[in-house]
Protein backbone atom coordinates (compact mmCIF):
# COMPACT_ATOMS: atom_id res chain seq x y z
CA GLN A 1 -23.65 -8.85 11.79
CA VAL A 2 -20.66 -7.38 9.98
CA GLN A 3 -20.73 -7.65 6.20
CA LEU A 4 -17.30 -8.32 4.73
CA VAL A 5 -16.42 -8.07 1.04
CA GLU A 6 -13.03 -9.19 -0.24
CA SER A 7 -11.42 -8.09 -3.47
CA GLY A 8 -8.05 -8.17 -5.20
CA GLY A 9 -7.65 -11.84 -5.96
CA GLY A 10 -6.59 -13.16 -9.32
CA LEU A 11 -3.99 -15.06 -11.28
CA VAL A 12 -0.34 -14.22 -10.68
CA GLN A 13 2.92 -15.83 -11.70
CA PRO A 14 5.26 -17.34 -9.11
CA GLY A 15 7.30 -14.63 -7.47
CA GLY A 16 4.63 -12.03 -8.10
CA SER A 17 2.53 -9.93 -5.74
CA LEU A 18 -1.11 -9.24 -5.00
CA ARG A 19 -2.90 -7.05 -2.52
CA LEU A 20 -6.19 -8.23 -1.11
CA SER A 21 -8.72 -5.90 0.45
CA CYS A 22 -11.59 -6.60 2.79
CA ALA A 23 -14.16 -3.87 3.30
CA ALA A 24 -16.39 -4.05 6.36
CA SER A 25 -19.83 -2.55 6.72
CA VAL A 26 -19.72 -1.62 10.37
CA SER A 27 -19.56 1.69 12.18
CA ILE A 28 -17.05 0.64 14.82
CA PHE A 29 -14.57 -1.31 12.70
CA SER A 30 -11.68 -0.35 14.95
CA ILE A 31 -12.78 -2.61 17.79
CA TYR A 32 -12.68 -5.77 15.68
CA ASP A 33 -9.72 -8.09 15.39
CA MET A 34 -9.36 -8.73 11.66
CA GLY A 35 -7.87 -11.84 10.20
CA TRP A 36 -7.15 -13.47 6.88
CA TYR A 37 -7.61 -17.18 6.30
CA ARG A 38 -7.18 -19.36 3.25
CA GLN A 39 -8.42 -22.69 2.00
CA ALA A 40 -6.67 -24.60 -0.72
CA PRO A 41 -8.44 -27.30 -2.74
CA GLY A 42 -8.77 -30.47 -0.71
CA LYS A 43 -7.35 -28.88 2.42
CA GLN A 44 -8.74 -27.42 5.60
CA ARG A 45 -8.98 -23.69 6.07
CA GLU A 46 -5.88 -22.25 7.69
CA TRP A 47 -5.19 -19.01 9.44
CA VAL A 48 -2.83 -16.63 7.61
CA ALA A 49 -2.57 -13.32 9.45
CA LEU A 50 -4.14 -11.22 12.18
CA ALA A 51 -4.41 -7.49 12.74
CA THR A 52 -5.67 -6.86 16.25
CA SER A 53 -7.82 -3.96 17.28
CA SER A 54 -5.04 -2.80 19.61
CA GLY A 55 -2.40 -2.79 16.89
CA PRO A 56 -0.16 -5.87 16.99
CA THR A 57 -0.08 -8.20 14.03
CA ASN A 58 0.77 -11.86 13.72
CA TYR A 59 1.43 -14.29 10.88
CA ALA A 60 1.47 -17.96 10.12
CA ASP A 61 5.00 -19.27 9.71
CA SER A 62 4.28 -20.18 6.09
CA VAL A 63 3.76 -16.52 5.12
CA LYS A 64 5.95 -14.68 7.61
CA GLY A 65 8.30 -12.30 5.81
CA ARG A 66 6.28 -12.43 2.58
CA PHE A 67 2.80 -11.23 3.59
CA THR A 68 1.85 -8.05 5.40
CA ILE A 69 -1.50 -7.37 7.01
CA SER A 70 -2.62 -3.81 7.62
CA ARG A 71 -5.79 -1.98 8.40
CA ASP A 72 -7.22 1.44 7.73
CA ASN A 73 -9.84 2.08 10.38
CA ALA A 74 -10.97 5.26 8.66
CA LYS A 75 -11.89 3.20 5.60
CA ASN A 76 -13.16 0.15 7.49
CA THR A 77 -10.76 -1.95 5.46
CA VAL A 78 -8.12 -4.56 6.12
CA TYR A 79 -5.47 -5.43 3.56
CA LEU A 80 -3.18 -8.34 2.87
CA GLN A 81 -0.11 -7.54 0.82
CA MET A 82 1.27 -10.78 -0.57
CA ASN A 83 4.77 -10.84 -2.04
CA ARG A 84 6.96 -13.60 -3.44
CA LEU A 85 3.93 -15.74 -4.08
CA ASN A 86 4.38 -19.41 -4.87
CA PRO A 87 1.99 -22.11 -6.10
CA GLU A 88 1.44 -23.31 -2.52
CA ASP A 89 -0.26 -19.97 -1.82
CA THR A 90 -3.06 -20.84 -4.23
CA ALA A 91 -6.30 -20.79 -2.26
CA VAL A 92 -9.51 -18.95 -1.58
CA TYR A 93 -8.66 -16.16 0.82
CA SER A 94 -11.31 -14.99 3.27
CA CYS A 95 -11.32 -12.28 5.87
CA HIS A 96 -12.73 -12.68 9.33
CA ALA A 97 -13.95 -10.16 11.87
CA ALA A 98 -13.84 -11.11 15.54
CA GLY A 99 -15.89 -8.82 17.71
CA GLY A 100 -16.06 -10.65 21.02
CA TRP A 101 -19.61 -10.55 22.34
CA ARG A 102 -20.63 -8.85 19.09
CA GLY A 103 -19.92 -12.09 17.29
CA ASN A 104 -17.78 -13.11 14.35
CA SER A 105 -18.25 -12.71 10.61
CA TRP A 106 -16.74 -14.15 7.45
CA GLY A 107 -16.45 -12.79 3.97
CA GLN A 108 -17.25 -14.91 0.93
CA GLY A 109 -13.63 -15.10 -0.16
CA THR A 110 -11.52 -14.23 -3.17
CA GLN A 111 -9.56 -16.68 -5.30
CA VAL A 112 -5.80 -16.39 -5.54
CA THR A 113 -4.09 -18.57 -8.11
CA VAL A 114 -0.32 -18.67 -8.43
CA SER A 115 0.71 -20.34 -11.65
CA SER A 116 2.96 -19.88 -14.62
């Protein structure tokens, strides 16, 4: 089981930026597809971004052009750079590791609040 720990959440004003980090305790991080999800109050969890083990990335339409996912395999860490934040981005953000037959893992999440 991969242990995932997110950090970097907080309170930010509309239009501001945050960078989330997700550190994984696994020796072969590079083989995992890493994703970010979010869940706003009263809403279902939604997928935000994906960084595949092979390199390509993908984004939900709602964040495309504002958020950037990246990974540093040497540091076993995936990042989510969030720019031009708006109140609709307020949610608990969680990272997810998909390892195929090795199974999947979730972090506990980090709160992002966008408010003036």
